[in-house]
Amino acid sequence: MGLKRISYYIGSYYVYYYRMVHYMNKEIIEDYFISNGREFETSNFDHQMIQPSVYEVIRVIKGVPLFIEDHMVRLQRSAESLDSNLTEIIPNITADIKRLIQLNHQPEKNIKLIVYNLEKDIPDYIMCFIKSSYPSEDQYFQGIHTILVHAERDNPNAKIINNELRVMINQKLKECNAYEALLLNSRGEITEGSRSNLFFLVHGKIYTSPAEDVLIGITRKYIIEACRSLNLEIIEQPIPFSMLDYAEGAFITGTSPKLLPIASIEEHQLDSANNEIVKSVRIEYDRILEKYINEHK
């Protein structure tokens, strides 16, 4: 199997604030955003944020911010990894997310929340709806093409902004006409996607990287719950590159894609979309999702 090696080491968390402003200006949509509890019109957006920053992307369906409690727990943990405590502002952030949804008439898109100036006793935060892209029906029913990128996160469990890495990966995805880049570490282990978690199906069992080695996705948590509901065995262990040779299927999970089957990893082909176990996990996750939405309307 051929493998295009793209070397990149995920190092510093720190980039200049104007890069953050540039990306936020490109992403922000809808009529209003909220900063530190105050409402502003999107047309007046001109915000400057200092790194380091932690963030969350929260999907909204039927006016409900999905799994918001889990997002707040992860946000706090990310901040704690940078010696910051968000306990005082988490209730305000939660209330403002719900207010932002109502202000903008409940668009079914993603909200990006950024907390910055983490060295302050009470950090600053900003939230807005962002341009949101979801997989097509064809991608769900045929699967997606992925590539491998040599990369490692300094702090896998913290959701910390790294625009330099994102730009590099986006360029490679465009060049290769791929949906996602899977990260390959220095030990030859496939850990996760650049913006997703990763699961492999081998001999009827579901394999995924250990929680300490990856960003613990919110969707990942509920996919594992779905697998257990189906009495499928979940094995958390490092995923060697050689697993590609005998995997029966694979899929990524995340806020935007939910559960998305993989059709190919580089030149390696997988019939994940037609695998009955993969399909059953997707159906069970959708049931969990619908239950959550109905309980939080």
C-alpha atoms as a PDB file:
ATOM      1  CA  MET A   1       0.000   0.000   0.000  1.00  0.00           C
ATOM      2  CA  GLY A   2       1.346   3.403  -0.920  1.00  0.00           C
ATOM      3  CA  LEU A   3       1.446   6.063   1.764  1.00  0.00           C
ATOM      4  CA  LYS A   4       1.963   9.753   1.127  1.00  0.00           C
ATOM      5  CA  ARG A   5       3.870  11.014   4.109  1.00  0.00           C
ATOM      6  CA  ILE A   6       3.051  14.533   5.218  1.00  0.00           C
ATOM      7  CA  SER A   7       5.287  15.513   8.100  1.00  0.00           C
ATOM      8  CA  TYR A   8       3.993  18.018  10.609  1.00  0.00           C
ATOM      9  CA  TYR A   9       4.603  18.276  14.317  1.00  0.00           C
ATOM     10  CA  ILE A  10       1.896  20.031  16.307  1.00  0.00           C
ATOM     11  CA  GLY A  11       3.943  22.278  18.513  1.00  0.00           C
ATOM     12  CA  SER A  12       3.166  25.703  19.925  1.00  0.00           C
ATOM     13  CA  TYR A  13      -0.356  26.662  20.903  1.00  0.00           C
ATOM     14  CA  TYR A  14       0.498  30.286  20.326  1.00  0.00           C
ATOM     15  CA  VAL A  15      -0.236  32.219  17.144  1.00  0.00           C
ATOM     16  CA  TYR A  16      -0.742  35.937  16.725  1.00  0.00           C
ATOM     17  CA  TYR A  17      -4.174  37.311  17.537  1.00  0.00           C
ATOM     18  CA  TYR A  18      -4.721  38.773  14.088  1.00  0.00           C
ATOM     19  CA  ARG A  19      -4.823  35.285  12.629  1.00  0.00           C
ATOM     20  CA  MET A  20      -7.663  34.498  15.024  1.00  0.00           C
ATOM     21  CA  VAL A  21      -9.509  37.617  13.937  1.00  0.00           C
ATOM     22  CA  HIS A  22      -8.979  36.704  10.287  1.00  0.00           C
ATOM     23  CA  TYR A  23     -10.493  33.244  10.697  1.00  0.00           C
ATOM     24  CA  MET A  24     -13.384  34.445  12.821  1.00  0.00           C
ATOM     25  CA  ASN A  25     -14.221  37.081  10.209  1.00  0.00           C
ATOM     26  CA  LYS A  26     -14.334  34.352   7.553  1.00  0.00           C
ATOM     27  CA  GLU A  27     -16.446  31.972   9.650  1.00  0.00           C
ATOM     28  CA  ILE A  28     -19.055  34.144  11.358  1.00  0.00           C
ATOM     29  CA  ILE A  29     -22.636  34.072  10.004  1.00  0.00           C
ATOM     30  CA  GLU A  30     -26.211  34.932  11.072  1.00  0.00           C
ATOM     31  CA  ASP A  31     -27.342  38.285  12.493  1.00  0.00           C
ATOM     32  CA  TYR A  32     -25.929  38.356  16.023  1.00  0.00           C
ATOM     33  CA  PHE A  33     -23.001  37.171  18.111  1.00  0.00           C
ATOM     34  CA  ILE A  34     -22.423  37.411  21.855  1.00  0.00           C
ATOM     35  CA  SER A  35     -19.267  38.559  23.608  1.00  0.00           C
ATOM     36  CA  ASN A  36     -18.970  38.466  27.420  1.00  0.00           C
ATOM     37  CA  GLY A  37     -22.750  38.418  27.758  1.00  0.00           C
ATOM     38  CA  ARG A  38     -23.399  41.327  25.392  1.00  0.00           C
ATOM     39  CA  GLU A  39     -25.247  41.042  22.091  1.00  0.00           C
ATOM     40  CA  PHE A  40     -23.771  42.542  18.911  1.00  0.00           C
ATOM     41  CA  GLU A  41     -24.761  42.608  15.264  1.00  0.00           C
ATOM     42  CA  THR A  42     -22.556  40.393  13.136  1.00  0.00           C
ATOM     43  CA  SER A  43     -22.004  43.247  10.684  1.00  0.00           C
ATOM     44  CA  ASN A  44     -20.094  45.043  13.459  1.00  0.00           C
ATOM     45  CA  PHE A  45     -17.775  42.128  14.189  1.00  0.00           C
ATOM     46  CA  ASP A  46     -14.216  43.336  14.739  1.00  0.00           C
ATOM     47  CA  HIS A  47     -12.805  41.336  17.599  1.00  0.00           C
ATOM     48  CA  GLN A  48      -9.274  40.802  18.812  1.00  0.00           C
ATOM     49  CA  MET A  49      -8.411  37.748  20.861  1.00  0.00           C
ATOM     50  CA  ILE A  50      -5.122  36.852  22.462  1.00  0.00           C
ATOM     51  CA  GLN A  51      -3.810  33.294  22.471  1.00  0.00           C
ATOM     52  CA  PRO A  52      -3.868  30.848  24.104  1.00  0.00           C
ATOM     53  CA  SER A  53      -7.544  30.142  23.553  1.00  0.00           C
ATOM     54  CA  VAL A  54      -9.755  27.121  24.129  1.00  0.00           C
ATOM     55  CA  TYR A  55     -12.890  26.470  22.154  1.00  0.00           C
ATOM     56  CA  GLU A  56     -15.899  24.288  21.477  1.00  0.00           C
ATOM     57  CA  VAL A  57     -18.061  23.768  18.386  1.00  0.00           C
ATOM     58  CA  ILE A  58     -21.650  22.916  19.272  1.00  0.00           C
ATOM     59  CA  ARG A  59     -24.228  21.719  16.774  1.00  0.00           C
ATOM     60  CA  VAL A  60     -27.786  23.035  16.976  1.00  0.00           C
ATOM     61  CA  ILE A  61     -30.732  20.897  15.824  1.00  0.00           C
ATOM     62  CA  LYS A  62     -34.367  21.930  16.322  1.00  0.00           C
ATOM     63  CA  GLY A  63     -33.243  24.782  18.567  1.00  0.00           C
ATOM     64  CA  VAL A  64     -31.319  22.441  20.884  1.00  0.00           C
ATOM     65  CA  PRO A  65     -27.550  22.822  21.478  1.00  0.00           C
ATOM     66  CA  LEU A  66     -26.545  19.169  21.362  1.00  0.00           C
ATOM     67  CA  PHE A  67     -24.903  17.686  24.453  1.00  0.00           C
ATOM     68  CA  ILE A  68     -24.158  21.144  25.834  1.00  0.00           C
ATOM     69  CA  GLU A  69     -23.399  19.749  29.300  1.00  0.00           C
ATOM     70  CA  ASP A  70     -20.609  17.579  27.876  1.00  0.00           C
ATOM     71  CA  HIS A  71     -19.202  20.498  25.915  1.00  0.00           C
ATOM     72  CA  MET A  72     -18.990  22.618  29.053  1.00  0.00           C
ATOM     73  CA  VAL A  73     -17.176  19.858  30.943  1.00  0.00           C
ATOM     74  CA  ARG A  74     -14.624  19.528  28.148  1.00  0.00           C
ATOM     75  CA  LEU A  75     -14.225  23.297  27.883  1.00  0.00           C
ATOM     76  CA  GLN A  76     -13.403  23.477  31.581  1.00  0.00           C
ATOM     77  CA  ARG A  77     -10.888  20.650  31.272  1.00  0.00           C
ATOM     78  CA  SER A  78      -9.201  22.311  28.306  1.00  0.00           C
ATOM     79  CA  ALA A  79      -8.860  25.541  30.288  1.00  0.00           C
ATOM     80  CA  GLU A  80      -7.522  23.682  33.310  1.00  0.00           C
ATOM     81  CA  SER A  81      -4.772  22.195  31.137  1.00  0.00           C
ATOM     82  CA  LEU A  82      -3.613  25.784  30.614  1.00  0.00           C
ATOM     83  CA  ASP A  83      -3.940  26.651  34.332  1.00  0.00           C
ATOM     84  CA  SER A  84      -7.202  28.523  33.932  1.00  0.00           C
ATOM     85  CA  ASN A  85     -10.508  28.017  35.746  1.00  0.00           C
ATOM     86  CA  LEU A  86     -13.849  28.739  34.079  1.00  0.00           C
ATOM     87  CA  THR A  87     -16.133  27.740  36.948  1.00  0.00           C
ATOM     88  CA  GLU A  88     -17.415  31.274  37.446  1.00  0.00           C
ATOM     89  CA  ILE A  89     -18.400  31.884  33.826  1.00  0.00           C
ATOM     90  CA  ILE A  90     -19.651  28.436  32.716  1.00  0.00           C
ATOM     91  CA  PRO A  91     -23.279  29.189  33.809  1.00  0.00           C
ATOM     92  CA  ASN A  92     -23.170  32.475  31.869  1.00  0.00           C
ATOM     93  CA  ILE A  93     -21.755  30.770  28.791  1.00  0.00           C
ATOM     94  CA  THR A  94     -24.448  28.088  28.895  1.00  0.00           C
ATOM     95  CA  ALA A  95     -27.227  30.670  29.176  1.00  0.00           C
ATOM     96  CA  ASP A  96     -25.723  32.791  26.392  1.00  0.00           C
ATOM     97  CA  ILE A  97     -25.527  29.836  23.989  1.00  0.00           C
ATOM     98  CA  LYS A  98     -29.263  29.326  24.382  1.00  0.00           C
ATOM     99  CA  ARG A  99     -29.862  33.066  24.021  1.00  0.00           C
ATOM    100  CA  LEU A 100     -27.746  33.191  20.843  1.00  0.00           C
ATOM    101  CA  ILE A 101     -29.892  30.452  19.312  1.00  0.00           C
ATOM    102  CA  GLN A 102     -33.076  32.392  19.992  1.00  0.00           C
ATOM    103  CA  LEU A 103     -31.581  35.722  18.826  1.00  0.00           C
ATOM    104  CA  ASN A 104     -30.823  34.186  15.453  1.00  0.00           C
ATOM    105  CA  HIS A 105     -34.153  32.335  15.117  1.00  0.00           C
ATOM    106  CA  GLN A 106     -32.832  28.832  15.758  1.00  0.00           C
ATOM    107  CA  PRO A 107     -30.635  28.131  12.715  1.00  0.00           C
ATOM    108  CA  GLU A 108     -29.625  24.478  12.406  1.00  0.00           C
ATOM    109  CA  LYS A 109     -25.914  25.159  12.193  1.00  0.00           C
ATOM    110  CA  ASN A 110     -22.832  25.087  14.415  1.00  0.00           C
ATOM    111  CA  ILE A 111     -21.937  27.546  17.148  1.00  0.00           C
ATOM    112  CA  LYS A 112     -18.275  28.295  17.801  1.00  0.00           C
ATOM    113  CA  LEU A 113     -17.412  29.301  21.358  1.00  0.00           C
ATOM    114  CA  ILE A 114     -13.945  30.685  22.142  1.00  0.00           C
ATOM    115  CA  VAL A 115     -12.630  31.493  25.610  1.00  0.00           C
ATOM    116  CA  TYR A 116      -9.472  33.608  25.646  1.00  0.00           C
ATOM    117  CA  ASN A 117      -7.333  35.817  27.884  1.00  0.00           C
ATOM    118  CA  LEU A 118      -7.024  32.737  30.048  1.00  0.00           C
ATOM    119  CA  GLU A 119      -4.508  34.388  32.338  1.00  0.00           C
ATOM    120  CA  LYS A 120      -7.229  36.676  33.714  1.00  0.00           C
ATOM    121  CA  ASP A 121      -9.194  35.778  36.857  1.00  0.00           C
ATOM    122  CA  ILE A 122     -12.328  35.870  34.710  1.00  0.00           C
ATOM    123  CA  PRO A 123     -11.425  35.056  31.072  1.00  0.00           C
ATOM    124  CA  ASP A 124     -13.232  36.567  28.102  1.00  0.00           C
ATOM    125  CA  TYR A 125     -15.484  34.650  25.748  1.00  0.00           C
ATOM    126  CA  ILE A 126     -17.170  35.091  22.398  1.00  0.00           C
ATOM    127  CA  MET A 127     -19.677  32.917  20.554  1.00  0.00           C
ATOM    128  CA  CYS A 128     -21.236  33.009  17.115  1.00  0.00           C
ATOM    129  CA  PHE A 129     -22.812  30.847  14.465  1.00  0.00           C
ATOM    130  CA  ILE A 130     -20.270  29.759  11.867  1.00  0.00           C
ATOM    131  CA  LYS A 131     -20.366  28.477   8.326  1.00  0.00           C
ATOM    132  CA  SER A 132     -21.347  24.850   8.749  1.00  0.00           C
ATOM    133  CA  SER A 133     -20.815  21.998   6.333  1.00  0.00           C
ATOM    134  CA  TYR A 134     -22.398  18.575   6.795  1.00  0.00           C
ATOM    135  CA  PRO A 135     -21.883  15.358   4.821  1.00  0.00           C
ATOM    136  CA  SER A 136     -24.117  14.646   1.841  1.00  0.00           C
ATOM    137  CA  GLU A 137     -26.418  11.643   1.693  1.00  0.00           C
ATOM    138  CA  ASP A 138     -24.029  10.083  -0.834  1.00  0.00           C
ATOM    139  CA  GLN A 139     -21.166  10.378   1.653  1.00  0.00           C
ATOM    140  CA  TYR A 140     -23.206   8.639   4.345  1.00  0.00           C
ATOM    141  CA  PHE A 141     -24.261   5.826   2.030  1.00  0.00           C
ATOM    142  CA  GLN A 142     -21.027   5.399   0.059  1.00  0.00           C
ATOM    143  CA  GLY A 143     -18.377   6.478   2.562  1.00  0.00           C
ATOM    144  CA  ILE A 144     -15.597   9.051   2.394  1.00  0.00           C
ATOM    145  CA  HIS A 145     -11.995   9.211   1.220  1.00  0.00           C
ATOM    146  CA  THR A 146      -9.369   9.961   3.885  1.00  0.00           C
ATOM    147  CA  ILE A 147      -5.622  10.575   3.883  1.00  0.00           C
ATOM    148  CA  LEU A 148      -2.878  10.028   6.460  1.00  0.00           C
ATOM    149  CA  VAL A 149      -0.885  12.868   7.965  1.00  0.00           C
ATOM    150  CA  HIS A 150       2.123  12.452  10.264  1.00  0.00           C
ATOM    151  CA  ALA A 151       1.126  14.594  13.235  1.00  0.00           C
ATOM    152  CA  GLU A 152       0.918  14.495  17.025  1.00  0.00           C
ATOM    153  CA  ARG A 153      -0.883  16.761  19.450  1.00  0.00           C
ATOM    154  CA  ASP A 154       1.074  18.227  22.359  1.00  0.00           C
ATOM    155  CA  ASN A 155      -1.976  17.966  24.593  1.00  0.00           C
ATOM    156  CA  PRO A 156      -4.489  15.545  23.032  1.00  0.00           C
ATOM    157  CA  ASN A 157      -7.212  16.024  25.668  1.00  0.00           C
ATOM    158  CA  ALA A 158      -7.405  19.819  25.323  1.00  0.00           C
ATOM    159  CA  LYS A 159      -9.345  21.511  22.528  1.00  0.00           C
ATOM    160  CA  ILE A 160      -6.875  24.292  21.816  1.00  0.00           C
ATOM    161  CA  ILE A 161      -6.861  26.424  18.680  1.00  0.00           C
ATOM    162  CA  ASN A 162      -4.029  25.720  16.244  1.00  0.00           C
ATOM    163  CA  ASN A 163      -4.719  27.593  13.026  1.00  0.00           C
ATOM    164  CA  GLU A 164      -1.366  26.727  11.463  1.00  0.00           C
ATOM    165  CA  LEU A 165      -2.154  23.010  11.567  1.00  0.00           C
ATOM    166  CA  ARG A 166      -5.686  23.583  10.289  1.00  0.00           C
ATOM    167  CA  VAL A 167      -4.449  25.550   7.280  1.00  0.00           C
ATOM    168  CA  MET A 168      -1.890  22.878   6.407  1.00  0.00           C
ATOM    169  CA  ILE A 169      -4.409  20.037   6.635  1.00  0.00           C
ATOM    170  CA  ASN A 170      -7.088  21.919   4.696  1.00  0.00           C
ATOM    171  CA  GLN A 171      -4.616  22.408   1.863  1.00  0.00           C
ATOM    172  CA  LYS A 172      -3.750  18.699   1.803  1.00  0.00           C
ATOM    173  CA  LEU A 173      -7.423  17.703   1.862  1.00  0.00           C
ATOM    174  CA  LYS A 174      -8.057  19.956  -1.123  1.00  0.00           C
ATOM    175  CA  GLU A 175      -5.068  18.595  -3.031  1.00  0.00           C
ATOM    176  CA  CYS A 176      -6.129  14.978  -2.418  1.00  0.00           C
ATOM    177  CA  ASN A 177      -9.880  15.557  -2.758  1.00  0.00           C
ATOM    178  CA  ALA A 178     -10.306  13.964   0.685  1.00  0.00           C
ATOM    179  CA  TYR A 179     -12.880  14.546   3.416  1.00  0.00           C
ATOM    180  CA  GLU A 180     -10.649  14.030   6.463  1.00  0.00           C
ATOM    181  CA  ALA A 181      -7.006  13.570   7.456  1.00  0.00           C
ATOM    182  CA  LEU A 182      -6.167  10.788   9.912  1.00  0.00           C
ATOM    183  CA  LEU A 183      -3.239  11.462  12.243  1.00  0.00           C
ATOM    184  CA  LEU A 184      -0.334   9.003  12.295  1.00  0.00           C
ATOM    185  CA  ASN A 185       2.026   9.393  15.260  1.00  0.00           C
ATOM    186  CA  SER A 186       5.759   8.717  15.570  1.00  0.00           C
ATOM    187  CA  ARG A 187       5.059   5.147  16.755  1.00  0.00           C
ATOM    188  CA  GLY A 188       3.157   4.317  13.582  1.00  0.00           C
ATOM    189  CA  GLU A 189      -0.247   4.439  15.274  1.00  0.00           C
ATOM    190  CA  ILE A 190      -3.344   5.956  13.709  1.00  0.00           C
ATOM    191  CA  THR A 191      -4.817   8.003  16.541  1.00  0.00           C
ATOM    192  CA  GLU A 192      -7.725  10.161  15.333  1.00  0.00           C
ATOM    193  CA  GLY A 193      -8.912  12.487  12.611  1.00  0.00           C
ATOM    194  CA  SER A 194      -7.816  16.112  12.414  1.00  0.00           C
ATOM    195  CA  ARG A 195     -11.341  17.106  13.475  1.00  0.00           C
ATOM    196  CA  SER A 196     -12.886  13.765  14.394  1.00  0.00           C
ATOM    197  CA  ASN A 197     -12.461  10.543  16.331  1.00  0.00           C
ATOM    198  CA  LEU A 198     -11.773   7.278  14.582  1.00  0.00           C
ATOM    199  CA  PHE A 199     -13.112   3.729  14.963  1.00  0.00           C
ATOM    200  CA  PHE A 200     -12.149   0.459  13.265  1.00  0.00           C
ATOM    201  CA  LEU A 201     -14.191  -2.730  12.973  1.00  0.00           C
ATOM    202  CA  VAL A 202     -12.175  -5.951  13.242  1.00  0.00           C
ATOM    203  CA  HIS A 203     -13.744  -9.425  13.624  1.00  0.00           C
ATOM    204  CA  GLY A 204     -16.990  -7.907  14.897  1.00  0.00           C
ATOM    205  CA  LYS A 205     -15.263  -5.769  17.552  1.00  0.00           C
ATOM    206  CA  ILE A 206     -14.933  -1.986  17.603  1.00  0.00           C
ATOM    207  CA  TYR A 207     -11.442  -0.567  18.132  1.00  0.00           C
ATOM    208  CA  THR A 208     -10.566   3.041  18.956  1.00  0.00           C
ATOM    209  CA  SER A 209      -7.548   4.826  20.413  1.00  0.00           C
ATOM    210  CA  PRO A 210      -7.298   5.199  24.209  1.00  0.00           C
ATOM    211  CA  ALA A 211      -8.928   8.306  25.628  1.00  0.00           C
ATOM    212  CA  GLU A 212      -5.599   9.652  26.898  1.00  0.00           C
ATOM    213  CA  ASP A 213      -4.166   9.674  23.350  1.00  0.00           C
ATOM    214  CA  VAL A 214      -6.877  11.680  21.598  1.00  0.00           C
ATOM    215  CA  LEU A 215      -9.202  14.615  21.923  1.00  0.00           C
ATOM    216  CA  ILE A 216     -12.185  13.039  23.659  1.00  0.00           C
ATOM    217  CA  GLY A 217     -14.976  13.903  21.267  1.00  0.00           C
ATOM    218  CA  ILE A 218     -18.491  14.404  22.570  1.00  0.00           C
ATOM    219  CA  THR A 219     -19.872  12.284  19.732  1.00  0.00           C
ATOM    220  CA  ARG A 220     -17.238   9.622  20.556  1.00  0.00           C
ATOM    221  CA  LYS A 221     -18.760   9.252  24.031  1.00  0.00           C
ATOM    222  CA  TYR A 222     -22.233   8.566  22.656  1.00  0.00           C
ATOM    223  CA  ILE A 223     -20.976   6.289  19.888  1.00  0.00           C
ATOM    224  CA  ILE A 224     -19.369   4.145  22.581  1.00  0.00           C
ATOM    225  CA  GLU A 225     -22.695   4.204  24.447  1.00  0.00           C
ATOM    226  CA  ALA A 226     -24.461   3.131  21.235  1.00  0.00           C
ATOM    227  CA  CYS A 227     -22.026   0.234  20.761  1.00  0.00           C
ATOM    228  CA  ARG A 228     -22.587  -0.974  24.298  1.00  0.00           C
ATOM    229  CA  SER A 229     -26.355  -0.759  23.835  1.00  0.00           C
ATOM    230  CA  LEU A 230     -25.903  -3.100  20.862  1.00  0.00           C
ATOM    231  CA  ASN A 231     -23.718  -5.448  22.955  1.00  0.00           C
ATOM    232  CA  LEU A 232     -20.725  -4.736  20.728  1.00  0.00           C
ATOM    233  CA  GLU A 233     -17.314  -5.079  22.323  1.00  0.00           C
ATOM    234  CA  ILE A 234     -15.373  -1.800  22.470  1.00  0.00           C
ATOM    235  CA  ILE A 235     -11.594  -2.063  22.730  1.00  0.00           C
ATOM    236  CA  GLU A 236      -9.588   1.070  23.500  1.00  0.00           C
ATOM    237  CA  GLN A 237      -6.012   0.478  22.438  1.00  0.00           C
ATOM    238  CA  PRO A 238      -3.380   2.041  20.167  1.00  0.00           C
ATOM    239  CA  ILE A 239      -4.284   1.398  16.528  1.00  0.00           C
ATOM    240  CA  PRO A 240      -1.242   0.190  14.562  1.00  0.00           C
ATOM    241  CA  PHE A 241      -0.949   1.125  10.892  1.00  0.00           C
ATOM    242  CA  SER A 242      -1.035  -2.604  10.105  1.00  0.00           C
ATOM    243  CA  MET A 243      -4.695  -2.772  11.225  1.00  0.00           C
ATOM    244  CA  LEU A 244      -5.597  -1.349   7.802  1.00  0.00           C
ATOM    245  CA  ASP A 245      -4.697  -4.714   6.288  1.00  0.00           C
ATOM    246  CA  TYR A 246      -7.431  -6.652   8.097  1.00  0.00           C
ATOM    247  CA  ALA A 247     -10.051  -4.089   9.164  1.00  0.00           C
ATOM    248  CA  GLU A 248     -13.572  -4.877   7.952  1.00  0.00           C
ATOM    249  CA  GLY A 249     -14.652  -1.270   8.195  1.00  0.00           C
ATOM    250  CA  ALA A 250     -13.911   2.105   9.733  1.00  0.00           C
ATOM    251  CA  PHE A 251     -15.734   5.334  10.498  1.00  0.00           C
ATOM    252  CA  ILE A 252     -15.141   8.796  11.896  1.00  0.00           C
ATOM    253  CA  THR A 253     -17.323  10.596  14.409  1.00  0.00           C
ATOM    254  CA  GLY A 254     -17.738  14.264  15.209  1.00  0.00           C
ATOM    255  CA  THR A 255     -20.078  17.188  15.789  1.00  0.00           C
ATOM    256  CA  SER A 256     -20.790  17.826  12.113  1.00  0.00           C
ATOM    257  CA  PRO A 257     -20.461  14.361  10.525  1.00  0.00           C
ATOM    258  CA  LYS A 258     -22.041  12.388  13.414  1.00  0.00           C
ATOM    259  CA  LEU A 259     -21.041   8.853  12.269  1.00  0.00           C
ATOM    260  CA  LEU A 260     -19.542   8.796   8.791  1.00  0.00           C
ATOM    261  CA  PRO A 261     -18.267   5.572   7.137  1.00  0.00           C
ATOM    262  CA  ILE A 262     -14.818   5.520   5.547  1.00  0.00           C
ATOM    263  CA  ALA A 263     -14.582   4.167   1.988  1.00  0.00           C
ATOM    264  CA  SER A 264     -10.819   4.567   1.648  1.00  0.00           C
ATOM    265  CA  ILE A 265      -7.691   5.454   3.633  1.00  0.00           C
ATOM    266  CA  GLU A 266      -5.106   6.505   1.070  1.00  0.00           C
ATOM    267  CA  GLU A 267      -5.254   3.610  -1.478  1.00  0.00           C
ATOM    268  CA  HIS A 268      -6.730   1.116   1.002  1.00  0.00           C
ATOM    269  CA  GLN A 269     -10.398   0.386   0.230  1.00  0.00           C
ATOM    270  CA  LEU A 270     -13.054  -0.366   2.864  1.00  0.00           C
ATOM    271  CA  ASP A 271     -16.730  -1.235   2.351  1.00  0.00           C
ATOM    272  CA  SER A 272     -17.694   0.421   5.636  1.00  0.00           C
ATOM    273  CA  ALA A 273     -20.953   1.970   4.427  1.00  0.00           C
ATOM    274  CA  ASN A 274     -22.430  -1.461   3.636  1.00  0.00           C
ATOM    275  CA  ASN A 275     -21.221  -3.156   6.806  1.00  0.00           C
ATOM    276  CA  GLU A 276     -24.219  -4.192   8.909  1.00  0.00           C
ATOM    277  CA  ILE A 277     -22.459  -3.478  12.226  1.00  0.00           C
ATOM    278  CA  VAL A 278     -21.461   0.022  11.131  1.00  0.00           C
ATOM    279  CA  LYS A 279     -25.022   0.694   9.956  1.00  0.00           C
ATOM    280  CA  SER A 280     -26.477  -0.554  13.249  1.00  0.00           C
ATOM    281  CA  VAL A 281     -24.189   1.738  15.280  1.00  0.00           C
ATOM    282  CA  ARG A 282     -25.204   4.707  13.143  1.00  0.00           C
ATOM    283  CA  ILE A 283     -28.908   3.951  13.643  1.00  0.00           C
ATOM    284  CA  GLU A 284     -28.470   3.554  17.406  1.00  0.00           C
ATOM    285  CA  TYR A 285     -26.524   6.813  17.678  1.00  0.00           C
ATOM    286  CA  ASP A 286     -29.264   8.633  15.756  1.00  0.00           C
ATOM    287  CA  ARG A 287     -31.781   7.202  18.255  1.00  0.00           C
ATOM    288  CA  ILE A 288     -29.716   8.562  21.185  1.00  0.00           C
ATOM    289  CA  LEU A 289     -29.475  11.922  19.448  1.00  0.00           C
ATOM    290  CA  GLU A 290     -33.205  12.152  18.813  1.00  0.00           C
ATOM    291  CA  LYS A 291     -33.940  11.195  22.415  1.00  0.00           C
ATOM    292  CA  TYR A 292     -31.666  13.995  23.672  1.00  0.00           C
ATOM    293  CA  ILE A 293     -33.310  16.560  21.381  1.00  0.00           C
ATOM    294  CA  ASN A 294     -36.812  15.559  22.495  1.00  0.00           C
ATOM    295  CA  GLU A 295     -35.844  15.814  26.156  1.00  0.00           C
ATOM    296  CA  HIS A 296     -34.306  19.289  25.770  1.00  0.00           C
ATOM    297  CA  LYS A 297     -36.772  21.100  23.523  1.00  0.00           C
END
